[in-house]
C-alpha atoms as a PDB file:
ATOM      1  CA  MET A   1     -13.009  25.945  -6.525  1.00  0.00           C
ATOM      2  CA  SER A   2      -9.332  26.030  -7.221  1.00  0.00           C
ATOM      3  CA  VAL A   3      -7.903  24.186 -10.189  1.00  0.00           C
ATOM      4  CA  LEU A   4      -6.561  21.398  -7.956  1.00  0.00           C
ATOM      5  CA  GLU A   5      -9.905  20.900  -6.192  1.00  0.00           C
ATOM      6  CA  GLU A   6     -11.649  20.796  -9.551  1.00  0.00           C
ATOM      7  CA  TYR A   7      -9.137  18.244 -10.871  1.00  0.00           C
ATOM      8  CA  LEU A   8      -9.536  15.977  -7.833  1.00  0.00           C
ATOM      9  CA  SER A   9     -13.320  16.199  -7.596  1.00  0.00           C
ATOM     10  CA  THR A  10     -15.265  12.973  -8.114  1.00  0.00           C
ATOM     11  CA  ASP A  11     -18.823  12.421  -9.236  1.00  0.00           C
ATOM     12  CA  TRP A  12     -19.648   9.578  -6.843  1.00  0.00           C
ATOM     13  CA  ALA A  13     -23.160   9.094  -8.257  1.00  0.00           C
ATOM     14  CA  SER A  14     -21.906   8.264 -11.738  1.00  0.00           C
ATOM     15  CA  MET A  15     -19.430   5.566 -10.656  1.00  0.00           C
ATOM     16  CA  THR A  16     -20.109   2.117 -12.113  1.00  0.00           C
ATOM     17  CA  SER A  17     -19.782  -1.191 -10.287  1.00  0.00           C
ATOM     18  CA  GLN A  18     -16.336  -1.697 -11.847  1.00  0.00           C
ATOM     19  CA  ASP A  19     -15.274   1.714 -10.531  1.00  0.00           C
ATOM     20  CA  TRP A  20     -16.434   0.798  -7.025  1.00  0.00           C
ATOM     21  CA  ALA A  21     -14.741  -2.610  -7.195  1.00  0.00           C
ATOM     22  CA  GLY A  22     -11.485  -0.997  -8.312  1.00  0.00           C
ATOM     23  CA  LEU A  23     -11.687   1.620  -5.577  1.00  0.00           C
ATOM     24  CA  ILE A  24     -12.356  -0.970  -2.877  1.00  0.00           C
ATOM     25  CA  ILE A  25      -9.560  -3.277  -4.076  1.00  0.00           C
ATOM     26  CA  THR A  26      -7.114  -0.376  -4.265  1.00  0.00           C
ATOM     27  CA  VAL A  27      -7.925   0.791  -0.740  1.00  0.00           C
ATOM     28  CA  LEU A  28      -7.725  -2.753   0.683  1.00  0.00           C
ATOM     29  CA  VAL A  29      -4.369  -3.412  -0.996  1.00  0.00           C
ATOM     30  CA  PHE A  30      -3.035  -0.070   0.244  1.00  0.00           C
ATOM     31  CA  PHE A  31      -3.976  -0.786   3.859  1.00  0.00           C
ATOM     32  CA  GLY A  32      -2.776  -4.392   3.571  1.00  0.00           C
ATOM     33  CA  MET A  33       0.639  -3.254   2.376  1.00  0.00           C
ATOM     34  CA  LEU A  34       0.765  -0.561   5.046  1.00  0.00           C
ATOM     35  CA  ILE A  35       0.080  -3.130   7.775  1.00  0.00           C
ATOM     36  CA  THR A  36       2.563  -5.611   6.259  1.00  0.00           C
ATOM     37  CA  PHE A  37       5.345  -3.039   6.110  1.00  0.00           C
ATOM     38  CA  ALA A  38       4.590  -1.857   9.644  1.00  0.00           C
ATOM     39  CA  LEU A  39       4.804  -5.423  10.976  1.00  0.00           C
ATOM     40  CA  ALA A  40       7.902  -6.343   8.974  1.00  0.00           C
ATOM     41  CA  LEU A  41       9.887  -3.186   9.645  1.00  0.00           C
ATOM     42  CA  ARG A  42       9.121  -2.603  13.312  1.00  0.00           C
ATOM     43  CA  PRO A  43      12.161  -2.060  15.535  1.00  0.00           C
ATOM     44  CA  SER A  44      11.788  -5.375  17.376  1.00  0.00           C
ATOM     45  CA  LYS A  45      12.398  -7.229  14.081  1.00  0.00           C
ATOM     46  CA  ARG A  46      15.599  -5.299  13.319  1.00  0.00           C
ATOM     47  CA  LYS A  47      18.005  -8.047  14.435  1.00  0.00           C
ATOM     48  CA  GLU A  48      16.175 -10.715  12.422  1.00  0.00           C
ATOM     49  CA  MET A  49      16.147  -8.528   9.322  1.00  0.00           C
ATOM     50  CA  GLU A  50      19.859  -7.675   9.686  1.00  0.00           C
ATOM     51  CA  GLU A  51      20.736 -11.392   9.852  1.00  0.00           C
ATOM     52  CA  GLN A  52      18.998 -12.034   6.531  1.00  0.00           C
ATOM     53  CA  LYS A  53      20.234  -8.900   4.758  1.00  0.00           C
ATOM     54  CA  TYR A  54      22.788 -10.667   2.563  1.00  0.00           C
ATOM     55  CA  LYS A  55      21.162 -14.084   2.455  1.00  0.00           C
ATOM     56  CA  ILE A  56      20.467 -13.884  -1.267  1.00  0.00           C
ATOM     57  CA  LEU A  57      24.166 -13.211  -1.989  1.00  0.00           C
ATOM     58  CA  ASP A  58      25.424 -16.232  -0.017  1.00  0.00           C
ATOM     59  CA  ASP A  59      26.481 -19.240  -2.048  1.00  0.00           C
ATOM     60  CA  ASP A  60      24.982 -22.500  -0.865  1.00  0.00           C
END
């Protein structure tokens, strides 16, 4: 094994329930954010996003 492979290796059998919960939550949040960004930043939404670009700077 190289040093990097040894550093990134995981002993799956010794993971506790908190480790598994943290892993599952992290993966779900990652994919949730990936889907959210993909939906929000798709090219068909470009005009809508450009209209709201400076909305926070406008004085009401």
